[in-house]
Amino acid sequence: MPANRRFRDLIRIGPVQVGTSNDARGRGKHTAACTAPRCGFSADYDSRTAAELAARTHRCPAR
């Protein structure tokens, strides 16, 4: 995964940001990533709905 992905349609749900980008083959990927310190949660999904659901149900273990 390249480190210079360009995200669009960013939203924040609690401490988690959800954004859309294209992968190396040009397909759209949706990423949910927690911005809390020492959390480290991030995952790629094929649908925006799945990424937003992950953001809504995420619980940081660092709390």
Protein backbone atom coordinates (compact mmCIF):
# COMPACT_ATOMS: atom_id res chain seq x y z
CA MET A 1 0.00 0.00 0.00
CA PRO A 2 1.56 3.32 -1.00
CA ALA A 3 1.98 5.87 1.76
CA ASN A 4 0.91 8.77 -0.47
CA ARG A 5 -2.76 7.89 -0.98
CA ARG A 6 -5.05 10.81 -1.74
CA PHE A 7 -8.23 10.58 0.29
CA ARG A 8 -11.49 12.27 -0.58
CA ASP A 9 -14.89 12.45 1.13
CA LEU A 10 -13.35 12.47 4.61
CA ILE A 11 -15.69 12.31 7.57
CA ARG A 12 -15.02 11.91 11.28
CA ILE A 13 -17.10 9.64 13.49
CA GLY A 14 -15.82 10.04 17.03
CA PRO A 15 -12.05 9.50 16.93
CA VAL A 16 -12.26 7.53 13.65
CA GLN A 17 -11.81 9.10 10.22
CA VAL A 18 -13.38 7.47 7.16
CA GLY A 19 -12.10 8.30 3.69
CA THR A 20 -12.24 7.04 0.11
CA SER A 21 -9.24 6.52 -2.17
CA ASN A 22 -8.15 4.46 -5.14
CA ASP A 23 -5.89 1.44 -4.76
CA ALA A 24 -2.99 0.57 -7.07
CA ARG A 25 -5.37 -0.93 -9.64
CA GLY A 26 -7.68 2.08 -9.72
CA ARG A 27 -10.51 0.55 -7.68
CA GLY A 28 -12.17 2.58 -4.96
CA LYS A 29 -11.30 1.58 -1.39
CA HIS A 30 -12.78 2.92 1.81
CA THR A 31 -10.57 3.22 4.88
CA ALA A 32 -11.47 3.66 8.55
CA ALA A 33 -8.60 4.78 10.78
CA CYS A 34 -8.61 5.78 14.45
CA THR A 35 -6.73 8.98 15.28
CA ALA A 36 -6.51 8.39 19.04
CA PRO A 37 -2.99 8.10 20.46
CA ARG A 38 -1.71 4.51 20.89
CA CYS A 39 -4.79 2.97 19.22
CA GLY A 40 -3.47 1.89 15.81
CA PHE A 41 -6.82 0.77 14.33
CA SER A 42 -7.15 1.03 10.55
CA ALA A 43 -8.83 -1.17 7.97
CA ASP A 44 -9.76 -1.10 4.28
CA TYR A 45 -13.27 -1.99 3.12
CA ASP A 46 -14.93 -2.47 -0.25
CA SER A 47 -18.00 -0.40 0.64
CA ARG A 48 -18.41 2.96 2.33
CA THR A 49 -21.21 1.57 4.48
CA ALA A 50 -18.92 -1.09 5.96
CA ALA A 51 -16.23 1.49 6.77
CA GLU A 52 -18.76 3.77 8.48
CA LEU A 53 -20.17 0.85 10.47
CA ALA A 54 -16.66 -0.05 11.65
CA ALA A 55 -16.13 3.56 12.69
CA ARG A 56 -19.38 3.66 14.66
CA THR A 57 -18.71 0.39 16.51
CA HIS A 58 -14.96 0.92 17.14
CA ARG A 59 -13.85 0.99 20.78
CA CYS A 60 -10.32 2.14 21.48
CA PRO A 61 -8.36 -0.25 23.68
CA ALA A 62 -6.07 2.62 24.72
CA ARG A 63 -8.75 4.36 26.84
